[in-house]
Amino acid sequence: MKYASAEIPACPGIIKSVNEDFRVFEVPLYEFSGSGDHTLVHIEKSGISTFEATRRMCRELKFKERDVGFAGMKDARGVTRQWLSFEHTNPESFLALNIPKLKVLEVTRHGNKLKRGHLSANRFEVVLRDVDAESVPHARATLELLARRGIPNWYDTQRFGRRGENPTAGMAILRGDLEAYFKAVLGGPGLETDAETRAAREAYEAGDIEQALQLWPRRANQERAALNAVQRDGPTWKALKKLPQKLKVLQVCSVQSMLFNKVLDERFDEYDRVWEGDICRLANGADFAVEDAAAEQARCDALEVSPTGPIYGHKMRMATTRSGELEQRILNDTGLTPEMWDVGKGLSQKGDRRPFRFIATELGAEYDEAERALSLRFTLPKGCYATVLLKEITRSGEDLAFSSQSE
């Protein structure tokens, strides 16, 4: 990962192995009506993912996981608040839930299901610990620089799976190579850090599915579901159908994320510079083709517009000239074509554009010298990663120390 703040000294610090040091508050896109067929549930979860939270709730309520609506996924590492939607359910049943690591904060009704992207922003409260007082000015200087230039809009590592397997699995789906898909999900023992699970992955790669099932930890619900599907139907589309749809969509989308990162990497030194042929985005979300780069650069410097990169899909609008050539080359290097994103089975991706930078608001930093703790607060647009901002401050690369508390 490249850093916009590379010339500013780092402010080393860690997030302790307590979820309370990393808090996220989802800001809804609109006010809920209070009436309708959908029950909207505001939850607080600690140390579990959005997928796991919905799984636990659905298990208690006998509700289908695929029918749960949510605006965005929240990482397992931290205390996070978000809204979920359930159609044709009794609101009172949610208030009676007693689920470990999950609290129901409030319940209301609305006329439609929550869908991905139906949020305005996310507010963060993060505590960096073991921070030396002399490093605090470096953190403040980094925040000032990022407020001025914008923050490089990387997709961070959590997008790609615990072992980085999501893009490999997603690429296999796009290519229709189901044997490669299940190998990515169930094989790869060399990438596995847990000894028990590594043995299970070795058994799968050796072709011993029964042994892999015996060895795989009971807590690994998705992997065990995949093993059972392959045991019944082989590595086929029929087996793939048995796996959670949200997981498969995430895997396909992670290919888009990986390729966006490749484009951003190649033009990183100019992520806040407008090129001829760019497609820029206004603050209101509207995109437009650049005809006069010099004129648009002034608006870019004022944070009014930002150049965008490709979220590849079968209907994505490509940039032109120099920008378009870069986007086409990155796509060609994968062997993919736009048509391959129209994979069907609920997994097709039309594509989109994503700004090369994002703007953080409500930035603040307070230092407690006695505790050697730097408390940060900021609000980010939807789809942007707080960890990217934190890594700019700590310069810690992939080693930013988050809680990895088990589910």
Protein backbone atom coordinates (compact mmCIF):
# COMPACT_ATOMS: atom_id res chain seq x y z
CA MET A 1 0.00 0.00 0.00
CA LYS A 2 1.31 3.44 -0.97
CA TYR A 3 0.85 6.44 1.32
CA ALA A 4 -0.11 10.01 0.47
CA SER A 5 1.59 11.02 3.73
CA ALA A 6 4.85 9.20 3.00
CA GLU A 7 6.96 12.33 3.57
CA ILE A 8 5.50 12.91 7.05
CA PRO A 9 7.01 10.81 9.87
CA ALA A 10 4.76 8.04 11.13
CA CYS A 11 2.84 8.09 14.39
CA PRO A 12 3.16 4.46 15.52
CA GLY A 13 0.32 3.10 17.61
CA ILE A 14 -1.81 0.04 18.02
CA ILE A 15 -5.46 -0.75 18.50
CA LYS A 16 -5.51 -2.99 21.56
CA SER A 17 -7.25 -6.35 21.50
CA VAL A 18 -10.45 -4.84 22.86
CA ASN A 19 -13.32 -4.15 20.53
CA GLU A 20 -14.22 -0.92 22.35
CA ASP A 21 -11.19 0.82 20.82
CA PHE A 22 -12.80 0.69 17.38
CA ARG A 23 -16.37 1.99 17.17
CA VAL A 24 -18.46 2.47 14.03
CA PHE A 25 -21.86 4.16 13.80
CA GLU A 26 -23.85 3.80 10.58
CA VAL A 27 -25.60 6.99 9.41
CA PRO A 28 -28.80 6.09 7.49
CA LEU A 29 -29.41 7.59 4.07
CA TYR A 30 -32.92 8.68 5.01
CA GLU A 31 -35.32 8.82 7.94
CA PHE A 32 -37.42 5.68 8.36
CA SER A 33 -41.18 6.13 8.04
CA GLY A 34 -42.27 4.14 11.09
CA SER A 35 -44.80 2.12 9.07
CA GLY A 36 -44.72 -0.57 6.38
CA ASP A 37 -44.11 -4.28 5.85
CA HIS A 38 -40.42 -4.22 6.78
CA THR A 39 -39.14 -4.31 10.35
CA LEU A 40 -35.94 -2.28 10.69
CA VAL A 41 -33.69 -3.32 13.54
CA HIS A 42 -30.84 -1.21 14.91
CA ILE A 43 -28.20 -3.52 16.36
CA GLU A 44 -24.90 -3.17 18.15
CA LYS A 45 -22.49 -6.05 17.61
CA SER A 46 -19.09 -6.69 19.14
CA GLY A 47 -16.43 -8.98 17.70
CA ILE A 48 -18.63 -10.58 15.01
CA SER A 49 -19.20 -9.78 11.34
CA THR A 50 -22.45 -8.60 9.77
CA PHE A 51 -22.83 -12.05 8.19
CA GLU A 52 -22.46 -13.74 11.56
CA ALA A 53 -24.84 -11.30 13.26
CA THR A 54 -27.56 -11.96 10.67
CA ARG A 55 -26.92 -15.72 10.85
CA ARG A 56 -27.42 -15.76 14.62
CA MET A 57 -30.56 -13.63 14.43
CA CYS A 58 -32.06 -15.71 11.62
CA ARG A 59 -31.35 -18.93 13.47
CA GLU A 60 -33.33 -17.65 16.48
CA LEU A 61 -36.19 -16.24 14.40
CA LYS A 62 -36.38 -19.00 11.76
CA PHE A 63 -35.86 -16.34 9.07
CA LYS A 64 -34.01 -16.90 5.78
CA GLU A 65 -30.60 -15.23 5.79
CA ARG A 66 -30.79 -14.32 2.11
CA ASP A 67 -33.87 -12.17 2.80
CA VAL A 68 -32.18 -9.92 5.36
CA GLY A 69 -31.50 -6.41 4.09
CA PHE A 70 -28.57 -4.26 5.15
CA ALA A 71 -26.96 -1.10 3.84
CA GLY A 72 -23.35 -2.10 4.35
CA MET A 73 -21.15 -4.74 5.91
CA LYS A 74 -19.41 -3.90 9.15
CA ASP A 75 -16.18 -5.61 10.09
CA ALA A 76 -16.02 -8.10 12.94
CA ARG A 77 -13.19 -6.22 14.63
CA GLY A 78 -14.81 -3.59 16.78
CA VAL A 79 -18.09 -2.41 18.28
CA THR A 80 -20.37 -1.44 15.41
CA ARG A 81 -23.91 -0.20 15.04
CA GLN A 82 -25.98 -0.74 11.92
CA TRP A 83 -29.52 -1.29 10.63
CA LEU A 84 -30.96 -4.54 9.29
CA SER A 85 -34.36 -5.10 7.65
CA PHE A 86 -36.70 -8.11 7.89
CA GLU A 87 -39.96 -8.36 5.92
CA HIS A 88 -43.23 -9.52 7.48
CA THR A 89 -41.89 -10.00 10.99
CA ASN A 90 -43.12 -9.01 14.43
CA PRO A 91 -41.01 -6.16 15.85
CA GLU A 92 -41.57 -7.46 19.38
CA SER A 93 -39.72 -10.69 18.53
CA PHE A 94 -36.48 -8.75 18.04
CA LEU A 95 -36.70 -7.01 21.39
CA ALA A 96 -36.88 -10.43 23.07
CA LEU A 97 -33.67 -11.73 21.46
CA ASN A 98 -30.77 -12.70 23.71
CA ILE A 99 -27.77 -13.34 21.48
CA PRO A 100 -24.11 -13.27 22.56
CA LYS A 101 -22.12 -10.28 21.27
CA LEU A 102 -25.25 -8.63 19.86
CA LYS A 103 -27.76 -6.13 21.26
CA VAL A 104 -30.97 -4.81 19.72
CA LEU A 105 -31.00 -1.06 20.31
CA GLU A 106 -34.28 -0.08 18.67
CA VAL A 107 -36.89 -1.34 16.24
CA THR A 108 -39.08 0.52 13.76
CA ARG A 109 -40.90 -0.08 10.47
CA HIS A 110 -40.41 1.08 6.91
CA GLY A 111 -41.97 0.56 3.49
CA ASN A 112 -39.05 -1.10 1.74
CA LYS A 113 -36.12 -3.42 2.30
CA LEU A 114 -32.69 -1.98 3.09
CA LYS A 115 -30.33 -2.46 0.18
CA ARG A 116 -26.60 -2.15 -0.22
CA GLY A 117 -25.56 1.49 -0.31
CA HIS A 118 -28.63 2.78 1.57
CA LEU A 119 -26.49 4.69 4.03
CA SER A 120 -25.14 8.21 4.09
CA ALA A 121 -21.86 7.70 5.92
CA ASN A 122 -20.13 5.98 8.82
CA ARG A 123 -18.89 7.75 11.95
CA PHE A 124 -15.80 6.37 13.65
CA GLU A 125 -14.31 6.65 17.12
CA VAL A 126 -10.91 4.99 17.26
CA VAL A 127 -8.31 4.81 20.03
CA LEU A 128 -4.65 4.33 19.13
CA ARG A 129 -2.63 3.20 22.15
CA ASP A 130 1.07 3.16 23.02
CA VAL A 131 1.48 6.46 21.18
CA ASP A 132 4.49 8.60 22.14
CA ALA A 133 3.76 12.29 22.73
CA GLU A 134 6.43 13.36 20.24
CA SER A 135 4.61 11.44 17.48
CA VAL A 136 1.27 13.20 17.95
CA PRO A 137 2.24 16.25 15.80
CA HIS A 138 2.98 13.80 12.97
CA ALA A 139 -0.55 12.41 13.23
CA ARG A 140 -2.01 15.92 13.18
CA ALA A 141 0.11 16.85 10.15
CA THR A 142 -1.08 13.74 8.34
CA LEU A 143 -4.71 14.59 9.07
CA GLU A 144 -4.17 18.13 7.76
CA LEU A 145 -2.61 16.81 4.55
CA LEU A 146 -5.39 14.29 3.99
CA ALA A 147 -8.05 16.93 4.64
CA ARG A 148 -6.41 19.03 1.94
CA ARG A 149 -5.75 16.34 -0.72
CA GLY A 150 -8.29 13.66 0.11
CA ILE A 151 -7.45 10.11 1.13
CA PRO A 152 -6.45 7.45 -1.44
CA ASN A 153 -9.56 5.31 -1.84
CA TRP A 154 -7.96 1.87 -1.54
CA TYR A 155 -10.01 -1.22 -0.92
CA ASP A 156 -8.33 -2.56 2.19
CA THR A 157 -7.31 -6.12 2.99
CA GLN A 158 -10.53 -7.13 4.79
CA ARG A 159 -12.27 -6.89 1.41
CA PHE A 160 -10.21 -9.80 0.13
CA GLY A 161 -10.82 -12.44 2.80
CA ARG A 162 -8.83 -13.65 5.76
CA ARG A 163 -6.36 -15.47 3.51
CA GLY A 164 -6.73 -13.14 0.53
CA GLU A 165 -8.74 -15.84 -1.26
CA ASN A 166 -11.81 -13.83 -2.31
CA PRO A 167 -10.47 -12.49 -5.64
CA THR A 168 -9.21 -15.96 -6.63
CA ALA A 169 -12.64 -17.43 -5.88
CA GLY A 170 -14.42 -14.58 -7.65
CA MET A 171 -12.19 -14.89 -10.71
CA ALA A 172 -13.00 -18.61 -10.89
CA ILE A 173 -16.73 -17.82 -10.91
CA LEU A 174 -16.29 -15.31 -13.73
CA ARG A 175 -14.33 -17.88 -15.74
CA GLY A 176 -16.76 -20.68 -14.96
CA ASP A 177 -13.99 -22.79 -13.40
CA LEU A 178 -15.75 -24.38 -10.43
CA GLU A 179 -12.90 -26.73 -9.59
CA ALA A 180 -10.66 -23.69 -9.14
CA TYR A 181 -13.40 -22.01 -7.09
CA PHE A 182 -13.68 -24.75 -4.50
CA LYS A 183 -9.90 -25.11 -4.37
CA ALA A 184 -9.65 -21.40 -3.50
CA VAL A 185 -12.29 -21.72 -0.78
CA LEU A 186 -11.30 -25.11 0.65
CA GLY A 187 -7.67 -25.62 -0.36
CA GLY A 188 -4.58 -23.46 -0.05
CA PRO A 189 -3.09 -24.92 3.14
CA GLY A 190 0.05 -22.83 2.67
CA LEU A 191 -1.99 -19.67 3.38
CA GLU A 192 -3.65 -21.04 6.51
CA THR A 193 -2.34 -19.97 9.92
CA ASP A 194 -4.58 -22.21 12.04
CA ALA A 195 -2.99 -25.69 12.35
CA GLU A 196 -6.31 -27.53 12.69
CA THR A 197 -7.77 -25.88 9.61
CA ARG A 198 -4.53 -26.32 7.67
CA ALA A 199 -4.81 -30.07 8.08
CA ALA A 200 -8.38 -29.94 6.75
CA ARG A 201 -7.26 -27.94 3.73
CA GLU A 202 -4.48 -30.44 3.07
CA ALA A 203 -7.02 -33.26 3.15
CA TYR A 204 -9.22 -31.42 0.63
CA GLU A 205 -6.34 -30.85 -1.77
CA ALA A 206 -5.47 -34.55 -1.43
CA GLY A 207 -9.01 -35.37 -2.54
CA ASP A 208 -10.18 -36.73 0.81
CA ILE A 209 -13.38 -34.78 1.41
CA GLU A 210 -14.57 -37.05 4.20
CA GLN A 211 -11.34 -36.48 6.13
CA ALA A 212 -11.56 -32.75 5.48
CA LEU A 213 -15.07 -32.71 6.98
CA GLN A 214 -13.87 -34.52 10.07
CA LEU A 215 -10.96 -32.14 10.54
CA TRP A 216 -12.69 -28.85 9.80
CA PRO A 217 -13.65 -26.92 12.97
CA ARG A 218 -17.38 -26.88 13.68
CA ARG A 219 -17.33 -23.08 13.86
CA ALA A 220 -16.42 -22.81 10.14
CA ASN A 221 -20.00 -22.79 8.85
CA GLN A 222 -19.31 -21.57 5.31
CA GLU A 223 -16.43 -23.95 4.64
CA ARG A 224 -18.36 -26.94 6.00
CA ALA A 225 -21.32 -26.00 3.81
CA ALA A 226 -19.00 -25.88 0.80
CA LEU A 227 -17.51 -29.29 1.68
CA ASN A 228 -20.94 -30.87 2.01
CA ALA A 229 -22.00 -29.40 -1.33
CA VAL A 230 -18.91 -30.75 -3.10
CA GLN A 231 -19.34 -34.15 -1.45
CA ARG A 232 -22.89 -34.37 -2.84
CA ASP A 233 -22.52 -32.78 -6.26
CA GLY A 234 -18.83 -32.40 -7.03
CA PRO A 235 -17.23 -29.00 -7.82
CA THR A 236 -20.16 -27.86 -9.98
CA TRP A 237 -22.60 -24.99 -10.38
CA LYS A 238 -25.11 -27.13 -8.50
CA ALA A 239 -22.73 -27.25 -5.52
CA LEU A 240 -22.04 -23.53 -5.78
CA LYS A 241 -25.77 -22.84 -5.59
CA LYS A 242 -25.79 -24.27 -2.04
CA LEU A 243 -23.44 -21.56 -0.73
CA PRO A 244 -24.64 -18.22 0.68
CA GLN A 245 -25.44 -15.77 -2.11
CA LYS A 246 -23.99 -12.83 -0.19
CA LEU A 247 -20.64 -14.65 0.04
CA LYS A 248 -20.52 -15.34 -3.70
CA VAL A 249 -21.45 -11.74 -4.55
CA LEU A 250 -18.69 -10.54 -2.20
CA GLN A 251 -16.18 -12.80 -3.95
CA VAL A 252 -17.11 -11.57 -7.42
CA CYS A 253 -17.06 -7.96 -6.22
CA SER A 254 -13.63 -8.48 -4.67
CA VAL A 255 -12.28 -8.99 -8.20
CA GLN A 256 -13.59 -5.52 -9.05
CA SER A 257 -11.93 -4.20 -5.89
CA MET A 258 -8.59 -5.82 -6.70
CA LEU A 259 -8.57 -4.36 -10.21
CA PHE A 260 -9.55 -0.90 -8.99
CA ASN A 261 -6.58 -1.03 -6.62
CA LYS A 262 -4.30 -1.94 -9.53
CA VAL A 263 -5.44 1.12 -11.48
CA LEU A 264 -5.06 3.39 -8.44
CA ASP A 265 -1.59 1.97 -7.81
CA GLU A 266 -0.46 2.87 -11.33
CA ARG A 267 -1.58 6.48 -11.09
CA PHE A 268 -1.05 6.92 -7.36
CA ASP A 269 1.28 9.90 -7.66
CA GLU A 270 -1.56 11.72 -9.41
CA TYR A 271 -4.61 10.34 -7.63
CA ASP A 272 -5.78 13.93 -7.08
CA ARG A 273 -4.84 15.14 -10.57
CA VAL A 274 -7.33 15.25 -13.45
CA TRP A 275 -6.28 13.61 -16.73
CA GLU A 276 -7.75 14.20 -20.17
CA GLY A 277 -10.31 11.46 -20.79
CA ASP A 278 -11.08 10.98 -17.08
CA ILE A 279 -14.56 10.50 -15.74
CA CYS A 280 -14.91 12.71 -12.66
CA ARG A 281 -17.49 12.60 -9.90
CA LEU A 282 -19.23 15.52 -8.27
CA ALA A 283 -20.00 15.60 -4.55
CA ASN A 284 -23.64 14.73 -5.33
CA GLY A 285 -22.56 11.46 -7.00
CA ALA A 286 -23.03 12.54 -10.62
CA ASP A 287 -20.29 11.58 -13.12
CA PHE A 288 -19.14 13.52 -16.14
CA ALA A 289 -16.50 13.11 -18.84
CA VAL A 290 -13.61 15.55 -18.63
CA GLU A 291 -13.17 17.77 -21.66
CA ASP A 292 -10.80 20.36 -20.16
CA ALA A 293 -8.47 18.83 -17.57
CA ALA A 294 -6.93 22.16 -16.59
CA ALA A 295 -10.32 23.69 -15.84
CA GLU A 296 -11.44 20.70 -13.82
CA GLN A 297 -8.19 20.62 -11.85
CA ALA A 298 -9.18 23.82 -10.08
CA ARG A 299 -12.41 22.19 -8.93
CA CYS A 300 -10.48 19.07 -7.97
CA ASP A 301 -8.12 21.12 -5.80
CA ALA A 302 -11.19 22.60 -4.09
CA LEU A 303 -12.46 19.05 -3.39
CA GLU A 304 -15.52 19.69 -5.55
CA VAL A 305 -14.81 16.86 -8.02
CA SER A 306 -12.58 13.78 -8.02
CA PRO A 307 -11.27 11.57 -10.84
CA THR A 308 -12.68 8.05 -10.78
CA GLY A 309 -11.40 4.57 -11.53
CA PRO A 310 -13.14 1.49 -12.91
CA ILE A 311 -15.39 -0.90 -11.05
CA TYR A 312 -15.45 -3.28 -14.00
CA GLY A 313 -18.70 -4.79 -15.20
CA HIS A 314 -20.59 -5.62 -18.37
CA LYS A 315 -22.12 -2.13 -18.59
CA MET A 316 -19.35 0.00 -17.07
CA ARG A 317 -18.60 3.36 -18.65
CA MET A 318 -14.92 3.38 -19.61
CA ALA A 319 -12.71 6.45 -19.54
CA THR A 320 -11.00 7.52 -22.78
CA THR A 321 -7.54 8.51 -24.05
CA ARG A 322 -4.76 8.02 -21.48
CA SER A 323 -7.10 7.02 -18.65
CA GLY A 324 -9.01 4.60 -20.84
CA GLU A 325 -5.84 2.98 -22.10
CA LEU A 326 -4.75 2.27 -18.52
CA GLU A 327 -8.14 0.82 -17.61
CA GLN A 328 -8.20 -1.42 -20.69
CA ARG A 329 -4.66 -2.67 -20.10
CA ILE A 330 -5.39 -3.65 -16.49
CA LEU A 331 -8.50 -5.56 -17.61
CA ASN A 332 -6.65 -7.26 -20.47
CA ASP A 333 -3.94 -8.45 -18.08
CA THR A 334 -6.54 -10.56 -16.22
CA GLY A 335 -7.88 -12.23 -19.36
CA LEU A 336 -11.36 -10.97 -18.50
CA THR A 337 -13.74 -9.18 -20.84
CA PRO A 338 -16.73 -6.96 -19.98
CA GLU A 339 -19.09 -9.71 -21.14
CA MET A 340 -17.71 -12.15 -18.55
CA TRP A 341 -19.16 -10.02 -15.76
CA ASP A 342 -22.64 -10.97 -17.03
CA VAL A 343 -22.31 -14.35 -15.32
CA GLY A 344 -25.98 -14.69 -14.32
CA LYS A 345 -27.21 -16.67 -11.29
CA GLY A 346 -27.68 -13.42 -9.39
CA LEU A 347 -23.94 -12.70 -9.60
CA SER A 348 -23.76 -10.42 -12.65
CA GLN A 349 -22.11 -7.03 -12.16
CA LYS A 350 -23.02 -4.04 -14.30
CA GLY A 351 -20.02 -2.08 -13.07
CA ASP A 352 -19.60 1.43 -11.76
CA ARG A 353 -17.03 4.15 -11.16
CA ARG A 354 -15.25 4.82 -7.84
CA PRO A 355 -13.42 8.04 -6.91
CA PHE A 356 -9.67 7.65 -6.51
CA ARG A 357 -9.93 9.52 -3.21
CA PHE A 358 -12.43 10.14 -0.45
CA ILE A 359 -12.97 13.11 1.82
CA ALA A 360 -13.10 12.65 5.59
CA THR A 361 -15.16 15.11 7.59
CA GLU A 362 -15.53 15.92 11.30
CA LEU A 363 -11.87 15.09 11.82
CA GLY A 364 -10.56 15.35 15.35
CA ALA A 365 -7.69 14.07 17.49
CA GLU A 366 -7.18 14.23 21.25
CA TYR A 367 -4.16 12.91 23.13
CA ASP A 368 -4.12 11.56 26.67
CA GLU A 369 -0.49 11.70 27.75
CA ALA A 370 -1.05 9.67 30.93
CA GLU A 371 -2.67 6.85 28.95
CA ARG A 372 -0.44 7.37 25.88
CA ALA A 373 -3.68 7.15 23.89
CA LEU A 374 -4.62 9.11 20.76
CA SER A 375 -8.39 9.27 20.27
CA LEU A 376 -9.46 9.89 16.70
CA ARG A 377 -12.88 10.71 15.35
CA PHE A 378 -13.94 11.12 11.74
CA THR A 379 -16.83 10.55 9.35
CA LEU A 380 -16.31 8.77 6.04
CA PRO A 381 -18.52 8.33 2.97
CA LYS A 382 -20.06 4.90 2.47
CA GLY A 383 -17.76 2.28 0.97
CA CYS A 384 -14.55 3.85 2.30
CA TYR A 385 -12.17 2.20 4.73
CA ALA A 386 -11.22 3.69 8.07
CA THR A 387 -8.20 1.39 8.13
CA VAL A 388 -6.78 3.22 5.10
CA LEU A 389 -6.86 6.49 7.05
CA LEU A 390 -5.36 4.84 10.14
CA LYS A 391 -2.53 3.28 8.15
CA GLU A 392 -1.67 6.71 6.74
CA ILE A 393 -1.14 7.82 10.36
CA THR A 394 0.65 4.76 11.73
CA ARG A 395 2.38 3.74 8.48
CA SER A 396 1.87 0.17 9.62
CA GLY A 397 1.05 -1.48 6.30
CA GLU A 398 -0.77 -4.76 6.75
CA ASP A 399 0.26 -5.03 10.40
CA LEU A 400 -2.22 -2.63 11.99
CA ALA A 401 -3.11 -4.48 15.18
CA PHE A 402 -6.87 -5.01 15.37
CA SER A 403 -8.73 -7.31 17.66
CA SER A 404 -9.07 -10.78 16.21
CA GLN A 405 -11.46 -11.94 18.89
CA SER A 406 -13.09 -15.22 17.88
CA GLU A 407 -16.77 -15.41 17.05
